[in-house]
Amino acid sequence: MTDRCQWPGDDPDEIAYHDLEWGVPTVDESTLFEAITLEGAQAGLSWHTILLRRDGYRRAFLDWIVEAVAEIDESGVDALVQDTGIIRHRGKIEATIANARAILLLREQGMSLADVVWAYAESGNEPNPELQSQTDTSRAMSRELKRRGFRFVGPTTCYAFMQAVGIVNDHADDCFRFGEIAAMRDTLLSERSNT
């Protein structure tokens, strides 16, 4: 039996997500946009509920093409509120569009979403001995993203996002992914510090 984090339990969808995606460090804009959207959509719901709708989200939000999502208008929002393939919460849908526009604004300022969020990564890969839903760092990220026009990015959402995209490595120290993710994260941080 493979040693892995306990949170996926025996659910095959969550095991696959854990083993292949969770915590993999990325600076890819579409991946970051998807992750921040899905973590915001999860607020008040189970992660399994969101995982089952990922294909619906990709379709509804145009394969996470930021420019296309930013152009969704009020009639598009009305249509998305009726879309059973996603969480039909108007505020979360509007936040996704607002976040796409905020990403475009970052570009206009010569920055990227990766520039903003990876500024909160700390060097080192010490396993976290305690379960937590937010940290001082995620609270700081939340404040900065909100200042830049992002929505549905509270400290808990930001921490889950940080875990999902490898800004923190919260795999358990005995999980087979911990060392793999630590090595990927070290490489990415080294590359970013050299640019």
N, C-alpha and C. Protein backbone atom coordinates (compact mmCIF):
# COMPACT_ATOMS: atom_id res chain seq x y z
N MET A 1 0.85 -1.20 0.00
CA MET A 1 0.00 0.00 0.00
C MET A 1 0.88 1.25 0.00
N THR A 2 0.52 2.20 -0.83
CA THR A 2 1.29 3.45 -0.93
C THR A 2 0.96 4.36 0.24
N ASP A 3 2.02 4.92 0.83
CA ASP A 3 1.81 5.91 1.89
C ASP A 3 1.45 7.23 1.23
N ARG A 4 0.29 7.76 1.60
CA ARG A 4 -0.11 9.07 1.08
C ARG A 4 -0.82 9.83 2.18
N CYS A 5 -1.08 11.10 1.93
CA CYS A 5 -1.85 11.92 2.86
C CYS A 5 -3.19 11.24 3.13
N GLN A 6 -3.76 11.50 4.29
CA GLN A 6 -5.00 10.83 4.68
C GLN A 6 -6.23 11.44 4.01
N TRP A 7 -6.17 12.71 3.62
CA TRP A 7 -7.40 13.40 3.22
C TRP A 7 -8.12 12.81 2.01
N PRO A 8 -7.45 12.14 1.03
CA PRO A 8 -8.25 11.59 -0.07
C PRO A 8 -9.10 10.39 0.33
N GLY A 9 -8.78 9.78 1.49
CA GLY A 9 -9.54 8.60 1.91
C GLY A 9 -9.43 7.51 0.85
N ASP A 10 -10.56 6.87 0.55
CA ASP A 10 -10.55 5.82 -0.47
C ASP A 10 -11.30 6.24 -1.73
N ASP A 11 -11.53 7.55 -1.88
CA ASP A 11 -12.24 8.05 -3.05
C ASP A 11 -11.30 8.09 -4.25
N PRO A 12 -11.62 7.38 -5.33
CA PRO A 12 -10.68 7.32 -6.47
C PRO A 12 -10.42 8.67 -7.12
N ASP A 13 -11.43 9.55 -7.18
CA ASP A 13 -11.23 10.87 -7.77
C ASP A 13 -10.25 11.70 -6.95
N GLU A 14 -10.43 11.66 -5.63
CA GLU A 14 -9.56 12.45 -4.77
C GLU A 14 -8.15 11.85 -4.71
N ILE A 15 -8.05 10.52 -4.76
CA ILE A 15 -6.74 9.89 -4.80
C ILE A 15 -5.99 10.30 -6.06
N ALA A 16 -6.67 10.27 -7.20
CA ALA A 16 -6.03 10.66 -8.46
C ALA A 16 -5.59 12.12 -8.40
N TYR A 17 -6.45 12.99 -7.87
CA TYR A 17 -6.10 14.41 -7.76
C TYR A 17 -4.88 14.57 -6.86
N HIS A 18 -4.89 13.90 -5.71
CA HIS A 18 -3.77 13.97 -4.78
C HIS A 18 -2.47 13.47 -5.43
N ASP A 19 -2.55 12.32 -6.07
CA ASP A 19 -1.35 11.68 -6.59
C ASP A 19 -0.75 12.39 -7.80
N LEU A 20 -1.59 13.04 -8.59
CA LEU A 20 -1.13 13.60 -9.85
C LEU A 20 -1.04 15.13 -9.88
N GLU A 21 -1.86 15.82 -9.08
CA GLU A 21 -1.96 17.27 -9.22
C GLU A 21 -1.71 18.08 -7.96
N TRP A 22 -2.23 17.62 -6.83
CA TRP A 22 -2.23 18.46 -5.63
C TRP A 22 -0.81 18.79 -5.19
N GLY A 23 -0.52 20.06 -5.11
CA GLY A 23 0.77 20.50 -4.63
C GLY A 23 1.84 20.63 -5.70
N VAL A 24 1.53 20.25 -6.94
CA VAL A 24 2.54 20.37 -8.00
C VAL A 24 2.78 21.86 -8.28
N PRO A 25 4.00 22.33 -8.09
CA PRO A 25 4.27 23.75 -8.26
C PRO A 25 4.08 24.17 -9.72
N THR A 26 3.37 25.27 -9.90
CA THR A 26 3.13 25.76 -11.26
C THR A 26 3.10 27.28 -11.28
N VAL A 27 3.53 27.82 -12.41
CA VAL A 27 3.39 29.25 -12.66
C VAL A 27 2.52 29.48 -13.88
N ASP A 28 1.97 28.40 -14.44
CA ASP A 28 1.12 28.50 -15.62
C ASP A 28 -0.15 29.29 -15.30
N GLU A 29 -0.38 30.34 -16.07
CA GLU A 29 -1.50 31.24 -15.76
C GLU A 29 -2.85 30.54 -15.77
N SER A 30 -3.12 29.73 -16.78
CA SER A 30 -4.42 29.05 -16.86
C SER A 30 -4.61 28.11 -15.67
N THR A 31 -3.55 27.41 -15.29
CA THR A 31 -3.64 26.48 -14.15
C THR A 31 -3.89 27.25 -12.86
N LEU A 32 -3.19 28.36 -12.68
CA LEU A 32 -3.40 29.18 -11.48
C LEU A 32 -4.80 29.75 -11.46
N PHE A 33 -5.28 30.22 -12.60
CA PHE A 33 -6.62 30.78 -12.70
C PHE A 33 -7.67 29.72 -12.37
N GLU A 34 -7.50 28.53 -12.91
CA GLU A 34 -8.42 27.45 -12.59
C GLU A 34 -8.40 27.14 -11.10
N ALA A 35 -7.20 27.02 -10.54
CA ALA A 35 -7.08 26.64 -9.13
C ALA A 35 -7.71 27.68 -8.21
N ILE A 36 -7.46 28.95 -8.48
CA ILE A 36 -8.03 29.98 -7.59
C ILE A 36 -9.55 30.03 -7.74
N THR A 37 -10.05 29.75 -8.94
CA THR A 37 -11.50 29.71 -9.16
C THR A 37 -12.12 28.54 -8.42
N LEU A 38 -11.53 27.36 -8.57
CA LEU A 38 -12.12 26.17 -7.95
C LEU A 38 -12.03 26.23 -6.43
N GLU A 39 -10.95 26.78 -5.90
CA GLU A 39 -10.86 26.90 -4.44
C GLU A 39 -11.90 27.89 -3.92
N GLY A 40 -12.14 28.97 -4.67
CA GLY A 40 -13.19 29.91 -4.28
C GLY A 40 -14.57 29.29 -4.40
N ALA A 41 -14.76 28.48 -5.44
CA ALA A 41 -16.06 27.81 -5.64
C ALA A 41 -16.34 26.81 -4.53
N GLN A 42 -15.27 26.26 -3.94
CA GLN A 42 -15.45 25.25 -2.90
C GLN A 42 -16.01 25.84 -1.61
N ALA A 43 -15.85 27.12 -1.38
CA ALA A 43 -16.26 27.72 -0.12
C ALA A 43 -17.66 27.23 0.28
N GLY A 44 -17.74 26.57 1.42
CA GLY A 44 -19.00 26.05 1.92
C GLY A 44 -19.38 24.69 1.38
N LEU A 45 -18.53 24.11 0.52
CA LEU A 45 -18.84 22.83 -0.11
C LEU A 45 -17.66 21.87 0.08
N SER A 46 -17.87 20.61 -0.30
CA SER A 46 -16.78 19.64 -0.23
C SER A 46 -15.93 19.73 -1.50
N TRP A 47 -14.65 19.35 -1.37
CA TRP A 47 -13.77 19.35 -2.53
C TRP A 47 -14.26 18.34 -3.57
N HIS A 48 -14.84 17.25 -3.11
CA HIS A 48 -15.35 16.23 -4.04
C HIS A 48 -16.42 16.82 -4.96
N THR A 49 -17.27 17.66 -4.40
CA THR A 49 -18.31 18.32 -5.20
C THR A 49 -17.69 19.12 -6.33
N ILE A 50 -16.58 19.79 -6.05
CA ILE A 50 -15.90 20.60 -7.07
C ILE A 50 -15.20 19.71 -8.08
N LEU A 51 -14.52 18.67 -7.60
CA LEU A 51 -13.81 17.77 -8.52
C LEU A 51 -14.75 17.19 -9.58
N LEU A 52 -15.95 16.83 -9.15
CA LEU A 52 -16.90 16.24 -10.08
C LEU A 52 -17.38 17.23 -11.14
N ARG A 53 -17.16 18.52 -10.92
CA ARG A 53 -17.60 19.54 -11.86
C ARG A 53 -16.46 20.19 -12.63
N ARG A 54 -15.27 19.67 -12.53
CA ARG A 54 -14.13 20.32 -13.20
C ARG A 54 -14.34 20.43 -14.70
N ASP A 55 -14.84 19.40 -15.33
CA ASP A 55 -15.07 19.47 -16.77
C ASP A 55 -16.12 20.54 -17.09
N GLY A 56 -17.14 20.63 -16.25
CA GLY A 56 -18.15 21.66 -16.43
C GLY A 56 -17.57 23.05 -16.30
N TYR A 57 -16.66 23.22 -15.35
CA TYR A 57 -16.00 24.52 -15.18
C TYR A 57 -15.13 24.85 -16.38
N ARG A 58 -14.39 23.87 -16.87
CA ARG A 58 -13.53 24.13 -18.03
C ARG A 58 -14.35 24.56 -19.24
N ARG A 59 -15.49 23.91 -19.42
CA ARG A 59 -16.36 24.27 -20.54
C ARG A 59 -16.96 25.65 -20.32
N ALA A 60 -17.53 25.86 -19.12
CA ALA A 60 -18.22 27.12 -18.83
C ALA A 60 -17.29 28.32 -18.88
N PHE A 61 -16.06 28.12 -18.43
CA PHE A 61 -15.10 29.22 -18.38
C PHE A 61 -14.02 29.08 -19.46
N LEU A 62 -14.45 28.52 -20.60
CA LEU A 62 -13.73 28.64 -21.87
C LEU A 62 -12.28 28.17 -21.76
N ASP A 63 -12.12 27.00 -21.13
CA ASP A 63 -10.78 26.39 -20.96
C ASP A 63 -9.80 27.33 -20.25
N TRP A 64 -10.33 28.20 -19.42
CA TRP A 64 -9.53 29.10 -18.58
C TRP A 64 -8.70 30.08 -19.41
N ILE A 65 -9.20 30.43 -20.58
CA ILE A 65 -8.54 31.48 -21.37
C ILE A 65 -8.96 32.81 -20.76
N VAL A 66 -8.02 33.45 -20.12
CA VAL A 66 -8.31 34.64 -19.31
C VAL A 66 -9.02 35.72 -20.12
N GLU A 67 -8.52 35.99 -21.32
CA GLU A 67 -9.12 37.06 -22.14
C GLU A 67 -10.58 36.77 -22.45
N ALA A 68 -10.89 35.50 -22.74
CA ALA A 68 -12.26 35.13 -23.08
C ALA A 68 -13.18 35.23 -21.87
N VAL A 69 -12.70 34.80 -20.71
CA VAL A 69 -13.53 34.87 -19.49
C VAL A 69 -13.78 36.33 -19.12
N ALA A 70 -12.78 37.17 -19.31
CA ALA A 70 -12.91 38.59 -18.96
C ALA A 70 -14.00 39.28 -19.77
N GLU A 71 -14.34 38.72 -20.94
CA GLU A 71 -15.33 39.34 -21.81
C GLU A 71 -16.76 38.86 -21.54
N ILE A 72 -16.94 37.92 -20.61
CA ILE A 72 -18.30 37.44 -20.32
C ILE A 72 -19.12 38.59 -19.76
N ASP A 73 -20.28 38.84 -20.37
CA ASP A 73 -21.12 39.96 -19.96
C ASP A 73 -22.28 39.48 -19.08
N GLU A 74 -23.20 40.39 -18.78
CA GLU A 74 -24.30 40.08 -17.87
C GLU A 74 -25.18 38.95 -18.39
N SER A 75 -25.42 38.93 -19.69
CA SER A 75 -26.23 37.83 -20.24
C SER A 75 -25.48 36.51 -20.13
N GLY A 76 -24.16 36.57 -20.24
CA GLY A 76 -23.35 35.37 -20.04
C GLY A 76 -23.41 34.88 -18.61
N VAL A 77 -23.41 35.82 -17.67
CA VAL A 77 -23.56 35.45 -16.26
C VAL A 77 -24.91 34.80 -16.04
N ASP A 78 -25.96 35.39 -16.61
CA ASP A 78 -27.30 34.81 -16.47
C ASP A 78 -27.34 33.37 -16.98
N ALA A 79 -26.66 33.12 -18.10
CA ALA A 79 -26.61 31.76 -18.65
C ALA A 79 -25.83 30.83 -17.74
N LEU A 80 -24.73 31.31 -17.18
CA LEU A 80 -23.92 30.47 -16.30
C LEU A 80 -24.65 30.12 -15.01
N VAL A 81 -25.50 31.03 -14.53
CA VAL A 81 -26.28 30.74 -13.32
C VAL A 81 -27.22 29.56 -13.56
N GLN A 82 -27.55 29.29 -14.81
CA GLN A 82 -28.43 28.16 -15.14
C GLN A 82 -27.64 26.89 -15.50
N ASP A 83 -26.33 26.96 -15.50
CA ASP A 83 -25.49 25.85 -15.95
C ASP A 83 -25.31 24.84 -14.83
N THR A 84 -25.88 23.65 -15.00
CA THR A 84 -25.81 22.63 -13.94
C THR A 84 -24.43 21.97 -13.85
N GLY A 85 -23.53 22.30 -14.77
CA GLY A 85 -22.19 21.72 -14.73
C GLY A 85 -21.24 22.41 -13.77
N ILE A 86 -21.70 23.54 -13.19
CA ILE A 86 -20.87 24.29 -12.25
C ILE A 86 -21.70 24.61 -11.00
N ILE A 87 -21.06 25.21 -10.02
CA ILE A 87 -21.79 25.71 -8.85
C ILE A 87 -22.48 26.99 -9.29
N ARG A 88 -23.81 26.99 -9.22
CA ARG A 88 -24.60 28.09 -9.80
C ARG A 88 -24.81 29.21 -8.78
N HIS A 89 -23.73 29.76 -8.35
CA HIS A 89 -23.72 30.83 -7.36
C HIS A 89 -23.29 32.11 -8.08
N ARG A 90 -24.21 33.04 -8.22
CA ARG A 90 -23.93 34.25 -9.01
C ARG A 90 -22.67 34.97 -8.52
N GLY A 91 -22.53 35.09 -7.23
CA GLY A 91 -21.35 35.80 -6.70
C GLY A 91 -20.05 35.13 -7.08
N LYS A 92 -20.02 33.80 -7.05
CA LYS A 92 -18.80 33.08 -7.41
C LYS A 92 -18.54 33.17 -8.91
N ILE A 93 -19.59 33.14 -9.69
CA ILE A 93 -19.44 33.28 -11.15
C ILE A 93 -18.92 34.68 -11.48
N GLU A 94 -19.52 35.69 -10.88
CA GLU A 94 -19.08 37.06 -11.14
C GLU A 94 -17.64 37.27 -10.66
N ALA A 95 -17.27 36.60 -9.56
CA ALA A 95 -15.91 36.71 -9.06
C ALA A 95 -14.90 36.13 -10.05
N THR A 96 -15.27 35.03 -10.70
CA THR A 96 -14.37 34.42 -11.69
C THR A 96 -14.10 35.40 -12.83
N ILE A 97 -15.13 36.08 -13.29
CA ILE A 97 -14.97 37.06 -14.37
C ILE A 97 -14.15 38.25 -13.89
N ALA A 98 -14.44 38.72 -12.68
CA ALA A 98 -13.67 39.83 -12.11
C ALA A 98 -12.21 39.45 -11.95
N ASN A 99 -11.95 38.20 -11.58
CA ASN A 99 -10.57 37.75 -11.40
C ASN A 99 -9.83 37.68 -12.73
N ALA A 100 -10.54 37.27 -13.79
CA ALA A 100 -9.92 37.29 -15.12
C ALA A 100 -9.53 38.72 -15.49
N ARG A 101 -10.40 39.66 -15.21
CA ARG A 101 -10.10 41.06 -15.51
C ARG A 101 -8.93 41.58 -14.67
N ALA A 102 -8.86 41.11 -13.42
CA ALA A 102 -7.75 41.51 -12.55
C ALA A 102 -6.43 40.95 -13.07
N ILE A 103 -6.45 39.74 -13.63
CA ILE A 103 -5.24 39.17 -14.22
C ILE A 103 -4.80 40.00 -15.42
N LEU A 104 -5.76 40.42 -16.24
CA LEU A 104 -5.41 41.27 -17.38
C LEU A 104 -4.82 42.60 -16.93
N LEU A 105 -5.34 43.14 -15.84
CA LEU A 105 -4.80 44.39 -15.30
C LEU A 105 -3.36 44.19 -14.81
N LEU A 106 -3.10 43.04 -14.20
CA LEU A 106 -1.72 42.74 -13.80
C LEU A 106 -0.80 42.75 -15.02
N ARG A 107 -1.25 42.14 -16.09
CA ARG A 107 -0.44 42.12 -17.32
C ARG A 107 -0.13 43.52 -17.80
N GLU A 108 -1.14 44.39 -17.76
CA GLU A 108 -0.94 45.78 -18.18
C GLU A 108 0.12 46.47 -17.33
N GLN A 109 0.26 46.00 -16.09
CA GLN A 109 1.24 46.57 -15.17
C GLN A 109 2.58 45.85 -15.25
N GLY A 110 2.72 44.95 -16.23
CA GLY A 110 3.97 44.24 -16.42
C GLY A 110 4.19 43.09 -15.45
N MET A 111 3.10 42.60 -14.88
CA MET A 111 3.19 41.52 -13.91
C MET A 111 2.34 40.34 -14.37
N SER A 112 2.45 39.26 -13.63
CA SER A 112 1.61 38.09 -13.88
C SER A 112 1.00 37.64 -12.56
N LEU A 113 -0.03 36.81 -12.66
CA LEU A 113 -0.60 36.23 -11.44
C LEU A 113 0.46 35.44 -10.70
N ALA A 114 1.31 34.73 -11.43
CA ALA A 114 2.39 33.97 -10.78
C ALA A 114 3.32 34.90 -10.00
N ASP A 115 3.63 36.06 -10.55
CA ASP A 115 4.49 37.01 -9.84
C ASP A 115 3.89 37.37 -8.49
N VAL A 116 2.59 37.61 -8.47
CA VAL A 116 1.94 38.04 -7.23
C VAL A 116 1.89 36.89 -6.22
N VAL A 117 1.40 35.73 -6.63
CA VAL A 117 1.17 34.67 -5.65
C VAL A 117 2.44 33.97 -5.21
N TRP A 118 3.40 33.81 -6.13
CA TRP A 118 4.64 33.14 -5.74
C TRP A 118 5.53 34.02 -4.87
N ALA A 119 5.23 35.31 -4.77
CA ALA A 119 5.96 36.16 -3.84
C ALA A 119 5.74 35.71 -2.39
N TYR A 120 4.71 34.89 -2.17
CA TYR A 120 4.38 34.43 -0.81
C TYR A 120 4.96 33.04 -0.51
N ALA A 121 5.75 32.51 -1.42
CA ALA A 121 6.39 31.21 -1.18
C ALA A 121 7.63 31.41 -0.32
N GLU A 122 7.78 30.55 0.64
CA GLU A 122 8.96 30.58 1.49
C GLU A 122 9.89 29.45 1.06
N SER A 123 11.19 29.67 1.20
CA SER A 123 12.13 28.62 0.84
C SER A 123 12.07 27.52 1.90
N GLY A 124 12.52 26.35 1.52
CA GLY A 124 12.49 25.21 2.44
C GLY A 124 11.22 24.41 2.28
N ASN A 125 11.29 23.18 2.74
CA ASN A 125 10.17 22.26 2.58
C ASN A 125 9.93 21.48 3.87
N GLU A 126 9.90 22.19 4.97
CA GLU A 126 9.65 21.51 6.24
C GLU A 126 8.21 21.04 6.29
N PRO A 127 7.99 19.77 6.65
CA PRO A 127 6.60 19.31 6.77
C PRO A 127 5.86 20.09 7.85
N ASN A 128 4.61 20.37 7.59
CA ASN A 128 3.80 21.13 8.53
C ASN A 128 3.15 20.15 9.50
N PRO A 129 3.50 20.23 10.79
CA PRO A 129 2.99 19.24 11.75
C PRO A 129 1.53 19.46 12.14
N GLU A 130 0.98 20.61 11.83
CA GLU A 130 -0.39 20.88 12.26
C GLU A 130 -1.29 21.20 11.07
N LEU A 131 -2.53 20.75 11.20
CA LEU A 131 -3.52 21.08 10.18
C LEU A 131 -3.99 22.50 10.43
N GLN A 132 -4.07 23.28 9.38
CA GLN A 132 -4.54 24.66 9.52
C GLN A 132 -5.31 25.05 8.28
N SER A 133 -6.21 25.97 8.44
CA SER A 133 -7.01 26.39 7.30
C SER A 133 -6.56 27.72 6.73
N GLN A 134 -5.75 28.46 7.50
CA GLN A 134 -5.19 29.71 7.01
C GLN A 134 -3.96 30.03 7.83
N THR A 135 -3.13 30.89 7.29
CA THR A 135 -1.88 31.28 7.94
C THR A 135 -1.71 32.79 7.81
N ASP A 136 -0.71 33.32 8.50
CA ASP A 136 -0.40 34.75 8.32
C ASP A 136 -0.08 35.04 6.86
N THR A 137 0.60 34.11 6.20
CA THR A 137 0.96 34.30 4.80
C THR A 137 -0.27 34.29 3.91
N SER A 138 -1.21 33.37 4.16
CA SER A 138 -2.42 33.35 3.31
C SER A 138 -3.28 34.58 3.58
N ARG A 139 -3.24 35.10 4.80
CA ARG A 139 -3.97 36.33 5.09
C ARG A 139 -3.35 37.51 4.33
N ALA A 140 -2.03 37.52 4.26
CA ALA A 140 -1.34 38.59 3.52
C ALA A 140 -1.64 38.47 2.02
N MET A 141 -1.61 37.24 1.49
CA MET A 141 -1.93 37.04 0.07
C MET A 141 -3.35 37.49 -0.21
N SER A 142 -4.27 37.14 0.66
CA SER A 142 -5.67 37.52 0.49
C SER A 142 -5.81 39.03 0.41
N ARG A 143 -5.15 39.74 1.31
CA ARG A 143 -5.22 41.20 1.30
C ARG A 143 -4.68 41.76 -0.01
N GLU A 144 -3.56 41.21 -0.48
CA GLU A 144 -2.95 41.72 -1.71
C GLU A 144 -3.81 41.43 -2.93
N LEU A 145 -4.36 40.23 -3.01
CA LEU A 145 -5.22 39.90 -4.15
C LEU A 145 -6.47 40.78 -4.15
N LYS A 146 -7.07 40.98 -3.00
CA LYS A 146 -8.25 41.85 -2.92
C LYS A 146 -7.89 43.27 -3.33
N ARG A 147 -6.73 43.74 -2.89
CA ARG A 147 -6.28 45.09 -3.27
C ARG A 147 -6.16 45.22 -4.78
N ARG A 148 -5.85 44.11 -5.42
CA ARG A 148 -5.67 44.12 -6.87
C ARG A 148 -6.94 43.75 -7.63
N GLY A 149 -8.08 43.69 -6.93
CA GLY A 149 -9.36 43.50 -7.59
C GLY A 149 -9.88 42.08 -7.64
N PHE A 150 -9.18 41.14 -7.01
CA PHE A 150 -9.66 39.76 -6.99
C PHE A 150 -10.77 39.60 -5.95
N ARG A 151 -11.65 38.64 -6.23
CA ARG A 151 -12.78 38.38 -5.33
C ARG A 151 -12.85 36.90 -4.98
N PHE A 152 -13.54 36.59 -3.89
CA PHE A 152 -13.63 35.23 -3.37
C PHE A 152 -12.23 34.66 -3.13
N VAL A 153 -11.39 35.48 -2.52
CA VAL A 153 -10.02 35.09 -2.22
C VAL A 153 -9.72 35.39 -0.74
N GLY A 154 -10.58 34.86 0.14
CA GLY A 154 -10.33 35.00 1.57
C GLY A 154 -9.12 34.19 1.99
N PRO A 155 -8.67 34.35 3.23
CA PRO A 155 -7.46 33.67 3.71
C PRO A 155 -7.53 32.15 3.63
N THR A 156 -8.70 31.57 3.87
CA THR A 156 -8.83 30.10 3.79
C THR A 156 -8.75 29.64 2.34
N THR A 157 -9.44 30.36 1.45
CA THR A 157 -9.34 30.04 0.03
C THR A 157 -7.90 30.19 -0.45
N CYS A 158 -7.24 31.25 -0.04
CA CYS A 158 -5.85 31.46 -0.46
C CYS A 158 -4.95 30.34 0.04
N TYR A 159 -5.17 29.88 1.28
CA TYR A 159 -4.31 28.80 1.79
C TYR A 159 -4.54 27.51 1.00
N ALA A 160 -5.79 27.18 0.72
CA ALA A 160 -6.08 25.99 -0.08
C ALA A 160 -5.46 26.12 -1.47
N PHE A 161 -5.51 27.31 -2.04
CA PHE A 161 -4.88 27.59 -3.33
C PHE A 161 -3.37 27.40 -3.24
N MET A 162 -2.76 27.92 -2.19
CA MET A 162 -1.31 27.77 -2.00
C MET A 162 -0.92 26.30 -1.93
N GLN A 163 -1.73 25.51 -1.25
CA GLN A 163 -1.48 24.07 -1.17
C GLN A 163 -1.63 23.42 -2.54
N ALA A 164 -2.67 23.80 -3.26
CA ALA A 164 -3.00 23.15 -4.54
C ALA A 164 -1.93 23.37 -5.59
N VAL A 165 -1.32 24.58 -5.60
CA VAL A 165 -0.38 24.91 -6.68
C VAL A 165 1.08 24.90 -6.21
N GLY A 166 1.33 24.36 -5.03
CA GLY A 166 2.69 24.13 -4.58
C GLY A 166 3.40 25.31 -3.95
N ILE A 167 2.69 26.40 -3.70
CA ILE A 167 3.33 27.54 -3.03
C ILE A 167 3.76 27.11 -1.63
N VAL A 168 2.97 26.24 -1.02
CA VAL A 168 3.39 25.50 0.18
C VAL A 168 3.31 24.01 -0.14
N ASN A 169 4.14 23.24 0.50
CA ASN A 169 4.13 21.78 0.33
C ASN A 169 3.51 21.19 1.59
N ASP A 170 2.23 20.90 1.54
CA ASP A 170 1.55 20.37 2.71
C ASP A 170 1.25 18.88 2.61
N HIS A 171 1.96 18.18 1.74
CA HIS A 171 1.88 16.73 1.80
C HIS A 171 2.49 16.29 3.14
N ALA A 172 1.92 15.25 3.72
CA ALA A 172 2.47 14.71 4.96
C ALA A 172 3.91 14.23 4.70
N ASP A 173 4.75 14.31 5.74
CA ASP A 173 6.16 13.96 5.52
C ASP A 173 6.36 12.50 5.16
N ASP A 174 5.38 11.63 5.49
CA ASP A 174 5.50 10.22 5.11
C ASP A 174 4.75 9.90 3.82
N CYS A 175 4.18 10.92 3.18
CA CYS A 175 3.47 10.73 1.90
C CYS A 175 4.51 10.58 0.79
N PHE A 176 4.25 9.67 -0.13
CA PHE A 176 5.21 9.43 -1.22
C PHE A 176 5.41 10.67 -2.09
N ARG A 177 4.47 11.62 -2.06
CA ARG A 177 4.59 12.83 -2.88
C ARG A 177 5.41 13.93 -2.21
N PHE A 178 5.64 13.84 -0.91
CA PHE A 178 6.29 14.95 -0.21
C PHE A 178 7.64 15.28 -0.85
N GLY A 179 8.52 14.28 -0.96
CA GLY A 179 9.85 14.52 -1.51
C GLY A 179 9.82 14.94 -2.97
N GLU A 180 8.92 14.35 -3.73
CA GLU A 180 8.81 14.70 -5.15
C GLU A 180 8.41 16.17 -5.31
N ILE A 181 7.40 16.57 -4.54
CA ILE A 181 6.92 17.96 -4.62
C ILE A 181 8.00 18.91 -4.10
N ALA A 182 8.70 18.52 -3.04
CA ALA A 182 9.76 19.37 -2.49
C ALA A 182 10.83 19.65 -3.55
N ALA A 183 11.21 18.62 -4.29
CA ALA A 183 12.23 18.79 -5.33
C ALA A 183 11.73 19.69 -6.46
N MET A 184 10.48 19.49 -6.89
CA MET A 184 9.91 20.34 -7.94
C MET A 184 9.83 21.80 -7.48
N ARG A 185 9.45 21.96 -6.21
CA ARG A 185 9.28 23.30 -5.66
C ARG A 185 10.64 24.01 -5.58
N ASP A 186 11.66 23.28 -5.11
CA ASP A 186 13.00 23.87 -5.04
C ASP A 186 13.48 24.32 -6.41
N THR A 187 13.22 23.50 -7.43
CA THR A 187 13.63 23.84 -8.79
C THR A 187 12.92 25.10 -9.26
N LEU A 188 11.60 25.17 -9.05
CA LEU A 188 10.85 26.33 -9.49
C LEU A 188 11.31 27.60 -8.78
N LEU A 189 11.50 27.50 -7.46
CA LEU A 189 11.94 28.68 -6.70
C LEU A 189 13.32 29.13 -7.15
N SER A 190 14.19 28.17 -7.46
CA SER A 190 15.53 28.52 -7.94
C SER A 190 15.45 29.21 -9.29
N GLU A 191 14.63 28.69 -10.18
CA GLU A 191 14.45 29.31 -11.51
C GLU A 191 13.90 30.72 -11.37
N ARG A 192 12.94 30.91 -10.49
CA ARG A 192 12.35 32.25 -10.32
C ARG A 192 13.33 33.23 -9.72
N SER A 193 14.19 32.76 -8.83
CA SER A 193 15.15 33.67 -8.22
C SER A 193 16.25 34.09 -9.19
N ASN A 194 16.43 33.30 -10.26
CA ASN A 194 17.46 33.59 -11.26
C ASN A 194 16.94 34.42 -12.44
N THR A 195 15.63 34.77 -12.41
CA THR A 195 15.10 35.54 -13.53
C THR A 195 14.97 37.01 -13.17
